[in-house]
Amino acid sequence: MVVRMRHTRGHTRNRRSHHALKNLPIVETKGDGLRLNHTASKVTGTYKGKPVKALQKKLDKKIAKKTVSISKKK
């Protein structure tokens, strides 16, 4: 296939000028260090000081799943 109209380097670079990666909005929190902006903390399970995740329930479920999989292997 033959290229009908070739774009100049300047045109190509202008188009690609928006392809650059941007810095992540990382914020420092009081208790657990760094996290992404507008996300709940994975350590404490809070967002803006309010609990949004039942972390203990989730951890208990994960531990129970691992113990079941270990007992099946034996």
C-alpha atoms as a PDB file:
ATOM      1  CA  MET A   1       0.000   0.000   0.000  1.00  0.00           C
ATOM      2  CA  VAL A   2       1.312   3.431  -0.909  1.00  0.00           C
ATOM      3  CA  VAL A   3       1.245   6.346   1.543  1.00  0.00           C
ATOM      4  CA  ARG A   4      -0.913   9.042  -0.049  1.00  0.00           C
ATOM      5  CA  MET A   5      -0.048  12.019   2.124  1.00  0.00           C
ATOM      6  CA  ARG A   6       2.956  12.038   4.338  1.00  0.00           C
ATOM      7  CA  HIS A   7       2.830  14.021   7.557  1.00  0.00           C
ATOM      8  CA  THR A   8       5.774  16.198   8.434  1.00  0.00           C
ATOM      9  CA  ARG A   9       7.786  15.557  11.598  1.00  0.00           C
ATOM     10  CA  GLY A  10       6.278  18.637  13.204  1.00  0.00           C
ATOM     11  CA  HIS A  11       2.724  17.478  12.554  1.00  0.00           C
ATOM     12  CA  THR A  12       3.480  14.031  13.950  1.00  0.00           C
ATOM     13  CA  ARG A  13       5.179  15.437  17.059  1.00  0.00           C
ATOM     14  CA  ASN A  14       2.308  17.864  17.673  1.00  0.00           C
ATOM     15  CA  ARG A  15      -0.117  14.950  17.618  1.00  0.00           C
ATOM     16  CA  ARG A  16       2.071  12.911  19.970  1.00  0.00           C
ATOM     17  CA  SER A  17       2.611  15.770  22.412  1.00  0.00           C
ATOM     18  CA  HIS A  18      -0.405  14.583  24.422  1.00  0.00           C
ATOM     19  CA  HIS A  19       0.851  10.994  24.722  1.00  0.00           C
ATOM     20  CA  ALA A  20       3.219  11.716  27.621  1.00  0.00           C
ATOM     21  CA  LEU A  21       2.623   9.993  30.957  1.00  0.00           C
ATOM     22  CA  LYS A  22       1.510  12.204  33.805  1.00  0.00           C
ATOM     23  CA  ASN A  23       2.600  12.030  37.445  1.00  0.00           C
ATOM     24  CA  LEU A  24       0.317  10.084  39.755  1.00  0.00           C
ATOM     25  CA  PRO A  25      -1.552  12.170  42.357  1.00  0.00           C
ATOM     26  CA  ILE A  26       0.023  10.616  45.464  1.00  0.00           C
ATOM     27  CA  VAL A  27      -0.873  12.127  48.833  1.00  0.00           C
ATOM     28  CA  GLU A  28       0.528  11.553  52.294  1.00  0.00           C
ATOM     29  CA  THR A  29      -1.922  10.494  54.977  1.00  0.00           C
ATOM     30  CA  LYS A  30      -1.711  10.776  58.735  1.00  0.00           C
ATOM     31  CA  GLY A  31      -1.625   7.121  59.679  1.00  0.00           C
ATOM     32  CA  ASP A  32      -0.464   4.857  56.894  1.00  0.00           C
ATOM     33  CA  GLY A  33       1.913   6.821  54.674  1.00  0.00           C
ATOM     34  CA  LEU A  34       1.225   7.295  50.970  1.00  0.00           C
ATOM     35  CA  ARG A  35      -1.831   6.528  48.862  1.00  0.00           C
ATOM     36  CA  LEU A  36      -3.386   7.576  45.566  1.00  0.00           C
ATOM     37  CA  ASN A  37      -5.579  10.663  45.627  1.00  0.00           C
ATOM     38  CA  HIS A  38      -9.369  10.053  45.750  1.00  0.00           C
ATOM     39  CA  THR A  39      -8.968   6.431  46.854  1.00  0.00           C
ATOM     40  CA  ALA A  40      -9.606   4.631  50.099  1.00  0.00           C
ATOM     41  CA  SER A  41      -6.638   3.618  52.213  1.00  0.00           C
ATOM     42  CA  LYS A  42      -5.777  -0.073  51.852  1.00  0.00           C
ATOM     43  CA  VAL A  43      -4.243  -0.204  55.325  1.00  0.00           C
ATOM     44  CA  THR A  44      -6.966   1.429  57.396  1.00  0.00           C
ATOM     45  CA  GLY A  45      -9.942   1.040  55.025  1.00  0.00           C
ATOM     46  CA  THR A  46     -11.005   4.665  55.427  1.00  0.00           C
ATOM     47  CA  TYR A  47     -11.766   7.509  53.036  1.00  0.00           C
ATOM     48  CA  LYS A  48     -11.828  11.067  54.372  1.00  0.00           C
ATOM     49  CA  GLY A  49     -11.686   9.657  57.896  1.00  0.00           C
ATOM     50  CA  LYS A  50     -14.758   7.438  57.472  1.00  0.00           C
ATOM     51  CA  PRO A  51     -14.621   3.627  57.272  1.00  0.00           C
ATOM     52  CA  VAL A  52     -15.601   2.285  53.856  1.00  0.00           C
ATOM     53  CA  LYS A  53     -14.264  -1.277  53.931  1.00  0.00           C
ATOM     54  CA  ALA A  54     -14.752  -4.051  56.402  1.00  0.00           C
ATOM     55  CA  LEU A  55     -11.070  -5.007  56.438  1.00  0.00           C
ATOM     56  CA  GLN A  56     -11.240  -7.507  59.283  1.00  0.00           C
ATOM     57  CA  LYS A  57     -14.033  -9.421  57.567  1.00  0.00           C
ATOM     58  CA  LYS A  58     -12.041  -9.476  54.345  1.00  0.00           C
ATOM     59  CA  LEU A  59      -8.876 -10.671  56.108  1.00  0.00           C
ATOM     60  CA  ASP A  60     -10.774 -13.432  57.917  1.00  0.00           C
ATOM     61  CA  LYS A  61     -12.194 -14.645  54.609  1.00  0.00           C
ATOM     62  CA  LYS A  62      -8.737 -14.643  53.001  1.00  0.00           C
ATOM     63  CA  ILE A  63      -7.209 -16.600  55.902  1.00  0.00           C
ATOM     64  CA  ALA A  64     -10.042 -19.143  55.830  1.00  0.00           C
ATOM     65  CA  LYS A  65      -9.571 -19.615  52.088  1.00  0.00           C
ATOM     66  CA  LYS A  66      -5.822 -20.204  52.483  1.00  0.00           C
ATOM     67  CA  THR A  67      -6.272 -22.728  55.294  1.00  0.00           C
ATOM     68  CA  VAL A  68      -8.808 -24.670  53.218  1.00  0.00           C
ATOM     69  CA  SER A  69      -6.503 -24.744  50.183  1.00  0.00           C
ATOM     70  CA  ILE A  70      -3.546 -25.888  52.331  1.00  0.00           C
ATOM     71  CA  SER A  71      -5.581 -28.698  53.901  1.00  0.00           C
ATOM     72  CA  LYS A  72      -6.706 -29.899  50.435  1.00  0.00           C
ATOM     73  CA  LYS A  73      -3.106 -30.186  49.239  1.00  0.00           C
ATOM     74  CA  LYS A  74      -2.182 -32.617  52.034  1.00  0.00           C
END
